Amino acid sequence: MPKQVDHESRRRLIADAVCALVDERGLGAVTLRDVATRAEVSMGAVQRCFRTKEEMLGFALAHVGERVTERVRVRLTAGPAQSAASELGLVAGEVALLREEHRAEARIWLAFVAAAAVDPGLAQTLRGSYAALEELVVRLVAEASEGGGGADWAVAGGVLEARTEARTLLALADGLTAHVLIGYRTAAEAEEVLHAHLAGLWERR
């Protein structure tokens, strides 16, 4: 009887192989043959999972985004109950990929971001990943605001809106990822920047 293959598990295995090759050589050097070799499957198996190289790369990019989002979800639910403000700091740190064990993931993510600037398919996938993260951060900012979940709160001179703050925080985290990766900032310095931004956010309330 032929061996049954878990199609989704194989797709994730291939995505992991793509990510490993991107980390080692950059996105432009990834070939279907090298991916098959790294994943220890046949070329035919790769082509049965993905119709084109572009489809394979798009899936690998989404796979990275899902990995980050799932890690955030696990960290939010696994530990003791925290304030929304503390959870927001945790999420920002995870999204920025500042820890040493996430450095390879940061290299992979930025390689895909660079490619997405000229690849509409990858850009669409990235927009979906960012949108999912934004909704999570919007919820946490709103929960941390006065009134236990309102979408905005009064500040001197105007209103601080949860979505604006979420977008600002995600943009800051993204920039810090690049700064740490090229050695412009250390991970510790980047964490200080994040913490200072969050502290200033609550002080402005």
C-alpha atoms as a PDB file:
ATOM      1  CA  MET A   1       0.000   0.000   0.000  1.00  0.00           C
ATOM      2  CA  PRO A   2       1.527   3.417  -0.972  1.00  0.00           C
ATOM      3  CA  LYS A   3       2.682   5.607   1.882  1.00  0.00           C
ATOM      4  CA  GLN A   4       0.294   8.453   2.690  1.00  0.00           C
ATOM      5  CA  VAL A   5       1.876  11.905   2.607  1.00  0.00           C
ATOM      6  CA  ASP A   6       0.674  14.796   4.756  1.00  0.00           C
ATOM      7  CA  HIS A   7       0.552  17.484   2.082  1.00  0.00           C
ATOM      8  CA  GLU A   8       0.598  20.472   4.452  1.00  0.00           C
ATOM      9  CA  SER A   9       3.428  19.035   6.544  1.00  0.00           C
ATOM     10  CA  ARG A  10       5.480  18.571   3.394  1.00  0.00           C
ATOM     11  CA  ARG A  11       4.747  22.131   2.294  1.00  0.00           C
ATOM     12  CA  ARG A  12       5.973  23.404   5.673  1.00  0.00           C
ATOM     13  CA  LEU A  13       9.071  21.177   5.400  1.00  0.00           C
ATOM     14  CA  ILE A  14       9.834  22.708   2.020  1.00  0.00           C
ATOM     15  CA  ALA A  15       9.184  26.211   3.395  1.00  0.00           C
ATOM     16  CA  ASP A  16      11.710  25.563   6.177  1.00  0.00           C
ATOM     17  CA  ALA A  17      14.230  24.487   3.528  1.00  0.00           C
ATOM     18  CA  VAL A  18      13.586  27.683   1.563  1.00  0.00           C
ATOM     19  CA  CYS A  19      14.140  29.770   4.692  1.00  0.00           C
ATOM     20  CA  ALA A  20      17.395  27.988   5.518  1.00  0.00           C
ATOM     21  CA  LEU A  21      18.719  28.644   2.006  1.00  0.00           C
ATOM     22  CA  VAL A  22      17.613  32.298   2.085  1.00  0.00           C
ATOM     23  CA  ASP A  23      19.480  32.732   5.351  1.00  0.00           C
ATOM     24  CA  GLU A  24      22.642  31.164   3.934  1.00  0.00           C
ATOM     25  CA  ARG A  25      22.713  32.572   0.399  1.00  0.00           C
ATOM     26  CA  GLY A  26      20.018  35.195  -0.040  1.00  0.00           C
ATOM     27  CA  LEU A  27      16.726  34.951  -1.863  1.00  0.00           C
ATOM     28  CA  GLY A  28      18.158  35.263  -5.357  1.00  0.00           C
ATOM     29  CA  ALA A  29      20.261  32.124  -4.971  1.00  0.00           C
ATOM     30  CA  VAL A  30      17.339  29.821  -4.073  1.00  0.00           C
ATOM     31  CA  THR A  31      16.601  27.175  -6.717  1.00  0.00           C
ATOM     32  CA  LEU A  32      14.002  24.402  -6.781  1.00  0.00           C
ATOM     33  CA  ARG A  33      16.773  21.808  -6.980  1.00  0.00           C
ATOM     34  CA  ASP A  34      18.580  23.177  -3.928  1.00  0.00           C
ATOM     35  CA  VAL A  35      15.312  23.348  -2.002  1.00  0.00           C
ATOM     36  CA  ALA A  36      14.541  19.715  -2.832  1.00  0.00           C
ATOM     37  CA  THR A  37      18.022  18.689  -1.694  1.00  0.00           C
ATOM     38  CA  ARG A  38      17.790  20.637   1.564  1.00  0.00           C
ATOM     39  CA  ALA A  39      14.298  19.306   2.307  1.00  0.00           C
ATOM     40  CA  GLU A  40      15.434  15.763   1.387  1.00  0.00           C
ATOM     41  CA  VAL A  41      12.579  15.291  -1.073  1.00  0.00           C
ATOM     42  CA  SER A  42      12.488  14.837  -4.831  1.00  0.00           C
ATOM     43  CA  MET A  43      12.093  17.662  -7.334  1.00  0.00           C
ATOM     44  CA  GLY A  44       8.786  16.080  -8.243  1.00  0.00           C
ATOM     45  CA  ALA A  45       7.627  16.325  -4.623  1.00  0.00           C
ATOM     46  CA  VAL A  46       8.419  20.044  -4.592  1.00  0.00           C
ATOM     47  CA  GLN A  47       6.560  20.575  -7.848  1.00  0.00           C
ATOM     48  CA  ARG A  48       3.536  18.645  -6.612  1.00  0.00           C
ATOM     49  CA  CYS A  49       3.358  20.951  -3.582  1.00  0.00           C
ATOM     50  CA  PHE A  50       3.949  24.188  -5.499  1.00  0.00           C
ATOM     51  CA  ARG A  51       3.097  24.902  -9.107  1.00  0.00           C
ATOM     52  CA  THR A  52       5.774  27.602  -9.441  1.00  0.00           C
ATOM     53  CA  LYS A  53       8.820  28.916  -7.639  1.00  0.00           C
ATOM     54  CA  GLU A  54       6.889  32.134  -6.946  1.00  0.00           C
ATOM     55  CA  GLU A  55       4.137  30.170  -5.197  1.00  0.00           C
ATOM     56  CA  MET A  56       6.750  28.342  -3.114  1.00  0.00           C
ATOM     57  CA  LEU A  57       8.425  31.598  -2.058  1.00  0.00           C
ATOM     58  CA  GLY A  58       5.095  33.187  -1.181  1.00  0.00           C
ATOM     59  CA  PHE A  59       4.200  30.223   1.003  1.00  0.00           C
ATOM     60  CA  ALA A  60       7.608  30.351   2.717  1.00  0.00           C
ATOM     61  CA  LEU A  61       7.147  34.061   3.474  1.00  0.00           C
ATOM     62  CA  ALA A  62       3.682  33.473   4.920  1.00  0.00           C
ATOM     63  CA  HIS A  63       5.164  30.593   6.931  1.00  0.00           C
ATOM     64  CA  VAL A  64       7.673  32.955   8.571  1.00  0.00           C
ATOM     65  CA  GLY A  65       4.944  35.456   9.417  1.00  0.00           C
ATOM     66  CA  GLU A  66       2.758  32.727  10.919  1.00  0.00           C
ATOM     67  CA  ARG A  67       5.688  31.489  12.987  1.00  0.00           C
ATOM     68  CA  VAL A  68       6.210  34.928  14.527  1.00  0.00           C
ATOM     69  CA  THR A  69       2.495  35.425  15.150  1.00  0.00           C
ATOM     70  CA  GLU A  70       2.137  31.986  16.736  1.00  0.00           C
ATOM     71  CA  ARG A  71       5.155  32.596  18.976  1.00  0.00           C
ATOM     72  CA  VAL A  72       3.555  35.833  20.149  1.00  0.00           C
ATOM     73  CA  ARG A  73       0.255  34.065  20.808  1.00  0.00           C
ATOM     74  CA  VAL A  74       1.951  31.321  22.821  1.00  0.00           C
ATOM     75  CA  ARG A  75       3.911  33.812  24.925  1.00  0.00           C
ATOM     76  CA  LEU A  76       0.752  35.787  25.643  1.00  0.00           C
ATOM     77  CA  THR A  77      -1.182  32.721  26.807  1.00  0.00           C
ATOM     78  CA  ALA A  78       1.506  30.531  28.393  1.00  0.00           C
ATOM     79  CA  GLY A  79       2.599  32.799  31.225  1.00  0.00           C
ATOM     80  CA  PRO A  80       0.766  34.371  34.146  1.00  0.00           C
ATOM     81  CA  ALA A  81      -1.788  37.096  33.476  1.00  0.00           C
ATOM     82  CA  GLN A  82      -0.165  40.428  32.610  1.00  0.00           C
ATOM     83  CA  SER A  83      -1.385  43.944  32.019  1.00  0.00           C
ATOM     84  CA  ALA A  84      -2.117  44.893  28.429  1.00  0.00           C
ATOM     85  CA  ALA A  85       0.784  47.358  28.606  1.00  0.00           C
ATOM     86  CA  SER A  86       3.195  44.553  29.583  1.00  0.00           C
ATOM     87  CA  GLU A  87       1.797  42.319  26.848  1.00  0.00           C
ATOM     88  CA  LEU A  88       2.301  45.119  24.326  1.00  0.00           C
ATOM     89  CA  GLY A  89       5.988  45.344  25.251  1.00  0.00           C
ATOM     90  CA  LEU A  90       6.317  41.578  24.884  1.00  0.00           C
ATOM     91  CA  VAL A  91       4.686  41.629  21.446  1.00  0.00           C
ATOM     92  CA  ALA A  92       6.886  44.516  20.256  1.00  0.00           C
ATOM     93  CA  GLY A  93      10.022  42.645  21.310  1.00  0.00           C
ATOM     94  CA  GLU A  94       8.931  39.483  19.508  1.00  0.00           C
ATOM     95  CA  VAL A  95       8.003  41.324  16.304  1.00  0.00           C
ATOM     96  CA  ALA A  96      11.348  43.144  16.260  1.00  0.00           C
ATOM     97  CA  LEU A  97      13.174  39.760  16.325  1.00  0.00           C
ATOM     98  CA  LEU A  98      15.855  41.171  18.609  1.00  0.00           C
ATOM     99  CA  ARG A  99      16.917  38.039  20.450  1.00  0.00           C
ATOM    100  CA  GLU A 100      19.975  36.147  19.207  1.00  0.00           C
ATOM    101  CA  GLU A 101      17.969  32.977  18.548  1.00  0.00           C
ATOM    102  CA  HIS A 102      15.774  34.944  16.148  1.00  0.00           C
ATOM    103  CA  ARG A 103      18.606  36.579  14.195  1.00  0.00           C
ATOM    104  CA  ALA A 104      18.321  34.106  11.306  1.00  0.00           C
ATOM    105  CA  GLU A 105      14.579  34.760  11.149  1.00  0.00           C
ATOM    106  CA  ALA A 106      15.308  38.491  10.965  1.00  0.00           C
ATOM    107  CA  ARG A 107      17.691  37.970   8.034  1.00  0.00           C
ATOM    108  CA  ILE A 108      15.091  35.873   6.223  1.00  0.00           C
ATOM    109  CA  TRP A 109      12.300  38.366   6.865  1.00  0.00           C
ATOM    110  CA  LEU A 110      14.299  41.345   5.591  1.00  0.00           C
ATOM    111  CA  ALA A 111      15.435  39.402   2.519  1.00  0.00           C
ATOM    112  CA  PHE A 112      11.774  38.836   1.652  1.00  0.00           C
ATOM    113  CA  VAL A 113      10.897  42.483   2.387  1.00  0.00           C
ATOM    114  CA  ALA A 114      13.588  43.631  -0.052  1.00  0.00           C
ATOM    115  CA  ALA A 115      12.347  41.229  -2.728  1.00  0.00           C
ATOM    116  CA  ALA A 116       8.729  42.283  -2.144  1.00  0.00           C
ATOM    117  CA  ALA A 117       9.607  45.834  -3.186  1.00  0.00           C
ATOM    118  CA  VAL A 118       9.699  44.584  -6.790  1.00  0.00           C
ATOM    119  CA  ASP A 119       7.519  41.464  -6.525  1.00  0.00           C
ATOM    120  CA  PRO A 120       3.757  42.142  -6.284  1.00  0.00           C
ATOM    121  CA  GLY A 121       2.997  38.588  -5.142  1.00  0.00           C
ATOM    122  CA  LEU A 122       5.396  38.727  -2.206  1.00  0.00           C
ATOM    123  CA  ALA A 123       4.218  42.247  -1.412  1.00  0.00           C
ATOM    124  CA  GLN A 124       0.631  41.012  -1.136  1.00  0.00           C
ATOM    125  CA  THR A 125       1.693  38.224   1.228  1.00  0.00           C
ATOM    126  CA  LEU A 126       3.651  40.703   3.359  1.00  0.00           C
ATOM    127  CA  ARG A 127       0.686  43.040   3.579  1.00  0.00           C
ATOM    128  CA  GLY A 128      -1.382  40.171   4.961  1.00  0.00           C
ATOM    129  CA  SER A 129       1.243  39.365   7.608  1.00  0.00           C
ATOM    130  CA  TYR A 130       1.539  42.998   8.669  1.00  0.00           C
ATOM    131  CA  ALA A 131      -2.244  43.383   8.799  1.00  0.00           C
ATOM    132  CA  ALA A 132      -2.581  40.415  11.167  1.00  0.00           C
ATOM    133  CA  LEU A 133       0.100  41.830  13.469  1.00  0.00           C
ATOM    134  CA  GLU A 134      -1.450  45.280  13.342  1.00  0.00           C
ATOM    135  CA  GLU A 135      -4.838  43.989  14.503  1.00  0.00           C
ATOM    136  CA  LEU A 136      -3.208  42.251  17.456  1.00  0.00           C
ATOM    137  CA  VAL A 137      -1.293  45.376  18.465  1.00  0.00           C
ATOM    138  CA  VAL A 138      -4.364  47.608  18.005  1.00  0.00           C
ATOM    139  CA  ARG A 139      -6.271  45.383  20.427  1.00  0.00           C
ATOM    140  CA  LEU A 140      -3.498  45.513  23.026  1.00  0.00           C
ATOM    141  CA  VAL A 141      -3.094  49.289  22.753  1.00  0.00           C
ATOM    142  CA  ALA A 142      -6.840  49.740  23.132  1.00  0.00           C
ATOM    143  CA  GLU A 143      -6.969  47.432  26.149  1.00  0.00           C
ATOM    144  CA  ALA A 144      -4.101  49.326  27.763  1.00  0.00           C
ATOM    145  CA  SER A 145      -5.845  52.654  27.305  1.00  0.00           C
ATOM    146  CA  GLU A 146      -8.016  54.324  29.900  1.00  0.00           C
ATOM    147  CA  GLY A 147     -11.447  52.804  30.167  1.00  0.00           C
ATOM    148  CA  GLY A 148     -10.282  49.209  29.688  1.00  0.00           C
ATOM    149  CA  GLY A 149     -10.526  48.777  25.959  1.00  0.00           C
ATOM    150  CA  GLY A 150     -11.532  52.067  24.403  1.00  0.00           C
ATOM    151  CA  ALA A 151     -10.076  52.740  20.969  1.00  0.00           C
ATOM    152  CA  ASP A 152      -8.473  56.018  22.012  1.00  0.00           C
ATOM    153  CA  TRP A 153      -7.702  58.183  25.003  1.00  0.00           C
ATOM    154  CA  ALA A 154      -7.247  61.862  25.685  1.00  0.00           C
ATOM    155  CA  VAL A 155      -3.777  63.390  25.717  1.00  0.00           C
ATOM    156  CA  ALA A 156      -2.473  66.911  25.949  1.00  0.00           C
ATOM    157  CA  GLY A 157      -3.410  68.667  22.737  1.00  0.00           C
ATOM    158  CA  GLY A 158      -5.527  65.922  21.188  1.00  0.00           C
ATOM    159  CA  VAL A 159      -6.406  62.250  21.034  1.00  0.00           C
ATOM    160  CA  LEU A 160      -4.040  59.320  20.864  1.00  0.00           C
ATOM    161  CA  GLU A 161      -5.647  56.749  18.586  1.00  0.00           C
ATOM    162  CA  ALA A 162      -4.980  53.055  19.023  1.00  0.00           C
ATOM    163  CA  ARG A 163      -4.462  52.223  15.353  1.00  0.00           C
ATOM    164  CA  THR A 164      -2.052  55.100  14.836  1.00  0.00           C
ATOM    165  CA  GLU A 165      -0.028  53.962  17.831  1.00  0.00           C
ATOM    166  CA  ALA A 166      -0.078  50.344  16.618  1.00  0.00           C
ATOM    167  CA  ARG A 167       1.237  51.390  13.209  1.00  0.00           C
ATOM    168  CA  THR A 168       3.925  53.536  14.801  1.00  0.00           C
ATOM    169  CA  LEU A 169       5.044  50.699  17.060  1.00  0.00           C
ATOM    170  CA  LEU A 170       5.206  48.178  14.215  1.00  0.00           C
ATOM    171  CA  ALA A 171       7.197  50.607  12.070  1.00  0.00           C
ATOM    172  CA  LEU A 172       9.596  51.198  14.975  1.00  0.00           C
ATOM    173  CA  ALA A 173      10.010  47.455  15.539  1.00  0.00           C
ATOM    174  CA  ASP A 174      10.699  46.895  11.830  1.00  0.00           C
ATOM    175  CA  GLY A 175      13.320  49.638  11.757  1.00  0.00           C
ATOM    176  CA  LEU A 176      15.049  48.253  14.832  1.00  0.00           C
ATOM    177  CA  THR A 177      15.200  44.816  13.206  1.00  0.00           C
ATOM    178  CA  ALA A 178      17.249  46.291  10.372  1.00  0.00           C
ATOM    179  CA  HIS A 179      19.430  48.396  12.689  1.00  0.00           C
ATOM    180  CA  VAL A 180      20.386  45.391  14.808  1.00  0.00           C
ATOM    181  CA  LEU A 181      20.951  43.173  11.792  1.00  0.00           C
ATOM    182  CA  ILE A 182      23.505  45.528  10.216  1.00  0.00           C
ATOM    183  CA  GLY A 183      25.178  46.274  13.543  1.00  0.00           C
ATOM    184  CA  TYR A 184      24.056  49.880  13.830  1.00  0.00           C
ATOM    185  CA  ARG A 185      22.404  49.109  17.171  1.00  0.00           C
ATOM    186  CA  THR A 186      22.929  46.274  19.624  1.00  0.00           C
ATOM    187  CA  ALA A 187      19.920  44.207  20.652  1.00  0.00           C
ATOM    188  CA  ALA A 188      20.137  45.767  24.126  1.00  0.00           C
ATOM    189  CA  GLU A 189      20.097  49.284  22.655  1.00  0.00           C
ATOM    190  CA  ALA A 190      17.124  48.398  20.466  1.00  0.00           C
ATOM    191  CA  GLU A 191      15.224  47.072  23.480  1.00  0.00           C
ATOM    192  CA  GLU A 192      15.940  50.335  25.301  1.00  0.00           C
ATOM    193  CA  VAL A 193      14.459  52.276  22.367  1.00  0.00           C
ATOM    194  CA  LEU A 194      11.329  50.120  22.411  1.00  0.00           C
ATOM    195  CA  HIS A 195      10.913  50.437  26.165  1.00  0.00           C
ATOM    196  CA  ALA A 196      11.451  54.212  26.039  1.00  0.00           C
ATOM    197  CA  HIS A 197       8.797  54.545  23.334  1.00  0.00           C
ATOM    198  CA  LEU A 198       6.273  52.501  25.315  1.00  0.00           C
ATOM    199  CA  ALA A 199       7.044  54.366  28.545  1.00  0.00           C
ATOM    200  CA  GLY A 200       6.528  57.653  26.736  1.00  0.00           C
ATOM    201  CA  LEU A 201       3.235  56.390  25.363  1.00  0.00           C
ATOM    202  CA  TRP A 202       1.792  55.803  28.827  1.00  0.00           C
ATOM    203  CA  GLU A 203       3.280  59.029  30.196  1.00  0.00           C
ATOM    204  CA  ARG A 204       1.415  61.002  27.519  1.00  0.00           C
ATOM    205  CA  ARG A 205      -1.932  59.724  28.744  1.00  0.00           C
END
